All heavy atoms as atom14 arrays in JSON, in Angstrom:
{
  "sequence": "TGCEWLHVDFDPHLRPFYFEACGFTPTDAGLVPL",
  "atom14_mask": [
    [1, 1, 1, 1, 1, 1, 1, 0, 0, 0, 0, 0, 0, 0],
    [1, 1, 1, 1, 0, 0, 0, 0, 0, 0, 0, 0, 0, 0],
    [1, 1, 1, 1, 1, 1, 0, 0, 0, 0, 0, 0, 0, 0],
    [1, 1, 1, 1, 1, 1, 1, 1, 1, 0, 0, 0, 0, 0],
    [1, 1, 1, 1, 1, 1, 1, 1, 1, 1, 1, 1, 1, 1],
    [1, 1, 1, 1, 1, 1, 1, 1, 0, 0, 0, 0, 0, 0],
    [1, 1, 1, 1, 1, 1, 1, 1, 1, 1, 0, 0, 0, 0],
    [1, 1, 1, 1, 1, 1, 1, 0, 0, 0, 0, 0, 0, 0],
    [1, 1, 1, 1, 1, 1, 1, 1, 0, 0, 0, 0, 0, 0],
    [1, 1, 1, 1, 1, 1, 1, 1, 1, 1, 1, 0, 0, 0],
    [1, 1, 1, 1, 1, 1, 1, 1, 0, 0, 0, 0, 0, 0],
    [1, 1, 1, 1, 1, 1, 1, 0, 0, 0, 0, 0, 0, 0],
    [1, 1, 1, 1, 1, 1, 1, 1, 1, 1, 0, 0, 0, 0],
    [1, 1, 1, 1, 1, 1, 1, 1, 0, 0, 0, 0, 0, 0],
    [1, 1, 1, 1, 1, 1, 1, 1, 1, 1, 1, 0, 0, 0],
    [1, 1, 1, 1, 1, 1, 1, 0, 0, 0, 0, 0, 0, 0],
    [1, 1, 1, 1, 1, 1, 1, 1, 1, 1, 1, 0, 0, 0],
    [1, 1, 1, 1, 1, 1, 1, 1, 1, 1, 1, 1, 0, 0],
    [1, 1, 1, 1, 1, 1, 1, 1, 1, 1, 1, 0, 0, 0],
    [1, 1, 1, 1, 1, 1, 1, 1, 1, 0, 0, 0, 0, 0],
    [1, 1, 1, 1, 1, 0, 0, 0, 0, 0, 0, 0, 0, 0],
    [1, 1, 1, 1, 1, 1, 0, 0, 0, 0, 0, 0, 0, 0],
    [1, 1, 1, 1, 0, 0, 0, 0, 0, 0, 0, 0, 0, 0],
    [1, 1, 1, 1, 1, 1, 1, 1, 1, 1, 1, 0, 0, 0],
    [1, 1, 1, 1, 1, 1, 1, 0, 0, 0, 0, 0, 0, 0],
    [1, 1, 1, 1, 1, 1, 1, 0, 0, 0, 0, 0, 0, 0],
    [1, 1, 1, 1, 1, 1, 1, 0, 0, 0, 0, 0, 0, 0],
    [1, 1, 1, 1, 1, 1, 1, 1, 0, 0, 0, 0, 0, 0],
    [1, 1, 1, 1, 1, 0, 0, 0, 0, 0, 0, 0, 0, 0],
    [1, 1, 1, 1, 0, 0, 0, 0, 0, 0, 0, 0, 0, 0],
    [1, 1, 1, 1, 1, 1, 1, 1, 0, 0, 0, 0, 0, 0],
    [1, 1, 1, 1, 1, 1, 1, 0, 0, 0, 0, 0, 0, 0],
    [1, 1, 1, 1, 1, 1, 1, 0, 0, 0, 0, 0, 0, 0],
    [1, 1, 1, 1, 1, 1, 1, 1, 0, 0, 0, 0, 0, 0]
  ],
  "atom14_positions": [
    [[-92.4, 54.25, 19.07], [-92.03, 55.42, 18.26], [-93.15, 55.97, 17.42], [-92.99, 56.99, 16.77], [-90.85, 55.08, 17.31], [-91.28, 54.13, 16.37], [-89.62, 54.6, 18.08], [0.0, 0.0, 0.0], [0.0, 0.0, 0.0], [0.0, 0.0, 0.0], [0.0, 0.0, 0.0], [0.0, 0.0, 0.0], [0.0, 0.0, 0.0], [0.0, 0.0, 0.0]],
    [[-94.28, 55.28, 17.46], [-95.42, 55.73, 16.66], [-95.49, 55.13, 15.27], [-96.38, 55.53, 14.48], [0.0, 0.0, 0.0], [0.0, 0.0, 0.0], [0.0, 0.0, 0.0], [0.0, 0.0, 0.0], [0.0, 0.0, 0.0], [0.0, 0.0, 0.0], [0.0, 0.0, 0.0], [0.0, 0.0, 0.0], [0.0, 0.0, 0.0], [0.0, 0.0, 0.0]],
    [[-94.63, 54.22, 14.95], [-94.75, 53.53, 13.67], [-96.08, 52.8, 13.59], [-96.56, 52.32, 14.63], [-93.6, 52.54, 13.46], [-92.04, 53.33, 13.05], [0.0, 0.0, 0.0], [0.0, 0.0, 0.0], [0.0, 0.0, 0.0], [0.0, 0.0, 0.0], [0.0, 0.0, 0.0], [0.0, 0.0, 0.0], [0.0, 0.0, 0.0], [0.0, 0.0, 0.0]],
    [[-96.66, 52.75, 12.41], [-97.95, 52.06, 12.25], [-97.79, 50.7, 11.63], [-98.69, 49.86, 11.72], [-98.87, 52.95, 11.39], [-99.22, 54.24, 12.09], [-100.1, 55.15, 11.26], [-100.78, 54.65, 10.33], [-100.17, 56.37, 11.56], [0.0, 0.0, 0.0], [0.0, 0.0, 0.0], [0.0, 0.0, 0.0], [0.0, 0.0, 0.0], [0.0, 0.0, 0.0]],
    [[-96.69, 50.43, 10.95], [-96.53, 49.19, 10.23], [-95.09, 48.71, 10.43], [-94.14, 49.46, 10.39], [-96.7, 49.39, 8.73], [-98.07, 49.93, 8.4], [-98.4, 51.22, 8.13], [-99.28, 49.19, 8.33], [-99.76, 51.34, 7.91], [-100.33, 50.1, 8.03], [-99.6, 47.84, 8.54], [-101.64, 49.72, 7.93], [-100.92, 47.47, 8.4], [-101.94, 48.39, 8.09]],
    [[-94.98, 47.39, 10.63], [-93.63, 46.75, 10.7], [-93.65, 45.65, 9.67], [-94.45, 44.71, 9.73], [-93.4, 46.15, 12.09], [-92.04, 45.55, 12.34], [-90.89, 46.56, 12.09], [-91.93, 44.96, 13.73], [0.0, 0.0, 0.0], [0.0, 0.0, 0.0], [0.0, 0.0, 0.0], [0.0, 0.0, 0.0], [0.0, 0.0, 0.0], [0.0, 0.0, 0.0]],
    [[-92.81, 45.82, 8.68], [-92.72, 44.91, 7.53], [-91.57, 43.92, 7.75], [-90.58, 44.25, 8.36], [-92.41, 45.7, 6.25], [-93.37, 46.79, 5.97], [-94.44, 46.66, 5.12], [-93.45, 48.08, 6.4], [-95.1, 47.8, 5.05], [-94.51, 48.67, 5.82], [0.0, 0.0, 0.0], [0.0, 0.0, 0.0], [0.0, 0.0, 0.0], [0.0, 0.0, 0.0]],
    [[-91.67, 42.75, 7.1], [-90.58, 41.81, 7.07], [-90.72, 41.01, 5.77], [-91.82, 40.71, 5.32], [-90.58, 40.89, 8.29], [-91.76, 39.95, 8.34], [-89.23, 40.08, 8.39], [0.0, 0.0, 0.0], [0.0, 0.0, 0.0], [0.0, 0.0, 0.0], [0.0, 0.0, 0.0], [0.0, 0.0, 0.0], [0.0, 0.0, 0.0], [0.0, 0.0, 0.0]],
    [[-89.58, 40.71, 5.17], [-89.6, 39.67, 4.12], [-88.54, 38.66, 4.47], [-87.65, 38.9, 5.27], [-89.42, 40.29, 2.7], [-88.07, 40.89, 2.46], [-87.27, 41.04, 3.37], [-87.78, 41.22, 1.31], [0.0, 0.0, 0.0], [0.0, 0.0, 0.0], [0.0, 0.0, 0.0], [0.0, 0.0, 0.0], [0.0, 0.0, 0.0], [0.0, 0.0, 0.0]],
    [[-88.7, 37.46, 3.9], [-87.84, 36.34, 4.39], [-87.95, 35.21, 3.38], [-88.78, 35.17, 2.51], [-88.33, 35.83, 5.75], [-89.83, 35.68, 5.82], [-90.44, 34.53, 5.35], [-90.63, 36.67, 6.34], [-91.81, 34.37, 5.4], [-92.03, 36.52, 6.39], [-92.61, 35.37, 5.91], [0.0, 0.0, 0.0], [0.0, 0.0, 0.0], [0.0, 0.0, 0.0]],
    [[-87.06, 34.26, 3.53], [-87.06, 33.03, 2.75], [-88.21, 32.15, 3.17], [-88.63, 32.16, 4.32], [-85.74, 32.26, 2.88], [-84.58, 33.01, 2.24], [-84.8, 33.78, 1.27], [-83.43, 32.79, 2.69], [0.0, 0.0, 0.0], [0.0, 0.0, 0.0], [0.0, 0.0, 0.0], [0.0, 0.0, 0.0], [0.0, 0.0, 0.0], [0.0, 0.0, 0.0]],
    [[-88.75, 31.38, 2.22], [-89.95, 30.57, 2.53], [-89.85, 29.68, 3.74], [-90.84, 29.49, 4.47], [-90.14, 29.75, 1.24], [-89.54, 30.57, 0.17], [-88.37, 31.24, 0.81], [0.0, 0.0, 0.0], [0.0, 0.0, 0.0], [0.0, 0.0, 0.0], [0.0, 0.0, 0.0], [0.0, 0.0, 0.0], [0.0, 0.0, 0.0], [0.0, 0.0, 0.0]],
    [[-88.66, 29.11, 4.05], [-88.56, 28.23, 5.19], [-88.78, 28.92, 6.52], [-88.97, 28.27, 7.55], [-87.24, 27.47, 5.15], [-86.05, 28.27, 5.49], [-85.42, 29.11, 4.61], [-85.37, 28.41, 6.67], [-84.41, 29.73, 5.2], [-84.37, 29.33, 6.46], [0.0, 0.0, 0.0], [0.0, 0.0, 0.0], [0.0, 0.0, 0.0], [0.0, 0.0, 0.0]],
    [[-88.75, 30.25, 6.49], [-88.96, 31.04, 7.73], [-90.4, 31.45, 7.96], [-90.7, 32.13, 8.95], [-88.06, 32.25, 7.75], [-86.54, 31.94, 7.78], [-85.71, 33.18, 7.58], [-86.21, 31.24, 9.1], [0.0, 0.0, 0.0], [0.0, 0.0, 0.0], [0.0, 0.0, 0.0], [0.0, 0.0, 0.0], [0.0, 0.0, 0.0], [0.0, 0.0, 0.0]],
    [[-91.33, 31.04, 7.09], [-92.74, 31.37, 7.26], [-93.27, 31.01, 8.62], [-93.89, 31.84, 9.3], [-93.59, 30.7, 6.16], [-93.42, 31.32, 4.81], [-94.25, 30.55, 3.77], [-95.7, 30.72, 3.95], [-96.42, 31.7, 3.48], [-95.85, 32.65, 2.72], [-97.7, 31.76, 3.77], [0.0, 0.0, 0.0], [0.0, 0.0, 0.0], [0.0, 0.0, 0.0]],
    [[-93.07, 29.78, 9.12], [-93.6, 29.44, 10.49], [-93.04, 30.36, 11.56], [-93.78, 30.75, 12.48], [-93.14, 28.0, 10.71], [-92.96, 27.45, 9.32], [-92.45, 28.61, 8.5], [0.0, 0.0, 0.0], [0.0, 0.0, 0.0], [0.0, 0.0, 0.0], [0.0, 0.0, 0.0], [0.0, 0.0, 0.0], [0.0, 0.0, 0.0], [0.0, 0.0, 0.0]],
    [[-91.77, 30.73, 11.47], [-91.21, 31.58, 12.47], [-91.89, 32.99, 12.47], [-92.38, 33.45, 13.51], [-89.7, 31.78, 12.27], [-89.1, 32.82, 13.16], [-88.98, 32.6, 14.53], [-88.65, 34.04, 12.65], [-88.47, 33.59, 15.38], [-88.13, 35.03, 13.47], [-88.04, 34.78, 14.84], [0.0, 0.0, 0.0], [0.0, 0.0, 0.0], [0.0, 0.0, 0.0]],
    [[-91.94, 33.62, 11.33], [-92.46, 34.96, 11.27], [-94.01, 35.0, 11.41], [-94.55, 35.88, 12.1], [-92.05, 35.68, 10.01], [-90.58, 36.15, 10.12], [-89.6, 35.53, 9.4], [-90.22, 37.2, 10.95], [-88.28, 35.96, 9.5], [-88.93, 37.63, 11.07], [-87.92, 36.98, 10.36], [-86.64, 37.41, 10.49], [0.0, 0.0, 0.0], [0.0, 0.0, 0.0]],
    [[-94.71, 34.06, 10.79], [-96.16, 34.1, 10.86], [-96.69, 33.48, 12.14], [-97.56, 34.05, 12.79], [-96.79, 33.37, 9.64], [-96.58, 34.08, 8.34], [-96.62, 33.35, 7.17], [-96.32, 35.41, 8.26], [-96.45, 33.98, 5.92], [-96.14, 36.06, 7.05], [-96.2, 35.35, 5.89], [0.0, 0.0, 0.0], [0.0, 0.0, 0.0], [0.0, 0.0, 0.0]],
    [[-96.24, 32.32, 12.54], [-96.79, 31.62, 13.7], [-96.15, 32.09, 15.03], [-96.86, 32.45, 15.97], [-96.62, 30.12, 13.53], [-97.45, 29.57, 12.39], [-97.04, 28.18, 11.98], [-96.47, 27.39, 12.83], [-97.32, 27.79, 10.8], [0.0, 0.0, 0.0], [0.0, 0.0, 0.0], [0.0, 0.0, 0.0], [0.0, 0.0, 0.0], [0.0, 0.0, 0.0]],
    [[-94.84, 32.14, 15.07], [-94.19, 32.48, 16.36], [-94.22, 33.99, 16.63], [-94.42, 34.4, 17.75], [-92.73, 32.01, 16.32], [0.0, 0.0, 0.0], [0.0, 0.0, 0.0], [0.0, 0.0, 0.0], [0.0, 0.0, 0.0], [0.0, 0.0, 0.0], [0.0, 0.0, 0.0], [0.0, 0.0, 0.0], [0.0, 0.0, 0.0], [0.0, 0.0, 0.0]],
    [[-94.05, 34.8, 15.58], [-93.9, 36.24, 15.79], [-95.16, 37.03, 15.48], [-95.2, 38.24, 15.78], [-92.78, 36.77, 14.96], [-91.15, 36.08, 15.45], [0.0, 0.0, 0.0], [0.0, 0.0, 0.0], [0.0, 0.0, 0.0], [0.0, 0.0, 0.0], [0.0, 0.0, 0.0], [0.0, 0.0, 0.0], [0.0, 0.0, 0.0], [0.0, 0.0, 0.0]],
    [[-96.19, 36.44, 14.85], [-97.44, 37.1, 14.67], [-97.58, 38.0, 13.44], [-98.53, 38.77, 13.35], [0.0, 0.0, 0.0], [0.0, 0.0, 0.0], [0.0, 0.0, 0.0], [0.0, 0.0, 0.0], [0.0, 0.0, 0.0], [0.0, 0.0, 0.0], [0.0, 0.0, 0.0], [0.0, 0.0, 0.0], [0.0, 0.0, 0.0], [0.0, 0.0, 0.0]],
    [[-96.65, 37.93, 12.53], [-96.8, 38.68, 11.29], [-97.92, 38.05, 10.47], [-98.21, 36.84, 10.62], [-95.51, 38.68, 10.46], [-94.44, 39.61, 11.01], [-93.62, 39.18, 12.05], [-94.27, 40.86, 10.51], [-92.64, 40.0, 12.57], [-93.31, 41.71, 11.02], [-92.49, 41.3, 12.03], [0.0, 0.0, 0.0], [0.0, 0.0, 0.0], [0.0, 0.0, 0.0]],
    [[-98.58, 38.83, 9.6], [-99.6, 38.3, 8.76], [-99.14, 38.38, 7.32], [-98.45, 39.28, 6.92], [-100.93, 39.04, 8.9], [-100.72, 40.42, 8.66], [-101.5, 38.86, 10.33], [0.0, 0.0, 0.0], [0.0, 0.0, 0.0], [0.0, 0.0, 0.0], [0.0, 0.0, 0.0], [0.0, 0.0, 0.0], [0.0, 0.0, 0.0], [0.0, 0.0, 0.0]],
    [[-99.57, 37.44, 6.48], [-99.2, 37.47, 5.04], [-99.82, 38.7, 4.36], [-100.94, 39.12, 4.69], [-99.77, 36.21, 4.48], [-100.08, 35.32, 5.63], [-100.34, 36.23, 6.81], [0.0, 0.0, 0.0], [0.0, 0.0, 0.0], [0.0, 0.0, 0.0], [0.0, 0.0, 0.0], [0.0, 0.0, 0.0], [0.0, 0.0, 0.0], [0.0, 0.0, 0.0]],
    [[-99.08, 39.28, 3.46], [-99.57, 40.43, 2.67], [-99.12, 40.24, 1.22], [-98.19, 39.45, 0.95], [-98.97, 41.75, 3.17], [-97.57, 41.76, 2.99], [-99.34, 42.02, 4.62], [0.0, 0.0, 0.0], [0.0, 0.0, 0.0], [0.0, 0.0, 0.0], [0.0, 0.0, 0.0], [0.0, 0.0, 0.0], [0.0, 0.0, 0.0], [0.0, 0.0, 0.0]],
    [[-99.71, 40.96, 0.33], [-99.24, 41.0, -1.03], [-98.08, 41.96, -1.05], [-98.13, 43.03, -0.41], [-100.33, 41.51, -1.98], [-101.42, 40.49, -2.18], [-101.15, 39.31, -2.08], [-102.57, 40.92, -2.41], [0.0, 0.0, 0.0], [0.0, 0.0, 0.0], [0.0, 0.0, 0.0], [0.0, 0.0, 0.0], [0.0, 0.0, 0.0], [0.0, 0.0, 0.0]],
    [[-97.03, 41.59, -1.7], [-95.86, 42.46, -1.82], [-95.2, 42.18, -3.16], [-95.51, 41.14, -3.79], [-94.88, 42.22, -0.68], [0.0, 0.0, 0.0], [0.0, 0.0, 0.0], [0.0, 0.0, 0.0], [0.0, 0.0, 0.0], [0.0, 0.0, 0.0], [0.0, 0.0, 0.0], [0.0, 0.0, 0.0], [0.0, 0.0, 0.0], [0.0, 0.0, 0.0]],
    [[-94.34, 43.01, -3.55], [-93.63, 42.82, -4.81], [-92.14, 43.06, -4.64], [-91.66, 43.67, -3.68], [0.0, 0.0, 0.0], [0.0, 0.0, 0.0], [0.0, 0.0, 0.0], [0.0, 0.0, 0.0], [0.0, 0.0, 0.0], [0.0, 0.0, 0.0], [0.0, 0.0, 0.0], [0.0, 0.0, 0.0], [0.0, 0.0, 0.0], [0.0, 0.0, 0.0]],
    [[-91.38, 42.56, -5.6], [-89.93, 42.7, -5.55], [-89.38, 42.78, -6.95], [-89.8, 42.01, -7.82], [-89.34, 41.45, -4.83], [-87.86, 41.34, -4.72], [-87.34, 42.41, -3.76], [-87.48, 39.96, -4.19], [0.0, 0.0, 0.0], [0.0, 0.0, 0.0], [0.0, 0.0, 0.0], [0.0, 0.0, 0.0], [0.0, 0.0, 0.0], [0.0, 0.0, 0.0]],
    [[-88.48, 43.68, -7.19], [-87.74, 43.77, -8.4], [-86.28, 43.48, -8.12], [-85.65, 44.22, -7.36], [-87.87, 45.18, -9.07], [-86.92, 45.31, -10.29], [-89.28, 45.48, -9.42], [0.0, 0.0, 0.0], [0.0, 0.0, 0.0], [0.0, 0.0, 0.0], [0.0, 0.0, 0.0], [0.0, 0.0, 0.0], [0.0, 0.0, 0.0], [0.0, 0.0, 0.0]],
    [[-85.71, 42.38, -8.63], [-84.3, 42.12, -8.38], [-83.42, 43.1, -9.13], [-83.64, 43.34, -10.32], [-84.08, 40.7, -8.91], [-85.25, 40.37, -9.71], [-86.36, 41.33, -9.37], [0.0, 0.0, 0.0], [0.0, 0.0, 0.0], [0.0, 0.0, 0.0], [0.0, 0.0, 0.0], [0.0, 0.0, 0.0], [0.0, 0.0, 0.0], [0.0, 0.0, 0.0]],
    [[-82.51, 43.75, -8.45], [-81.64, 44.76, -9.06], [-80.28, 44.22, -9.43], [-79.52, 44.92, -10.06], [-81.53, 45.96, -8.11], [-82.8, 46.63, -7.76], [-82.59, 47.73, -6.75], [-83.54, 47.21, -9.0], [0.0, 0.0, 0.0], [0.0, 0.0, 0.0], [0.0, 0.0, 0.0], [0.0, 0.0, 0.0], [0.0, 0.0, 0.0], [0.0, 0.0, 0.0]]
  ]
}
């Protein structure tokens, strides 16, 4: 579709899945709980 970025956030125990298995890279991000 021409998207340039695909973001994901997740619980810490899913780091190996998203980073190792799926190829996402760590980034700085922020969150404000509403």
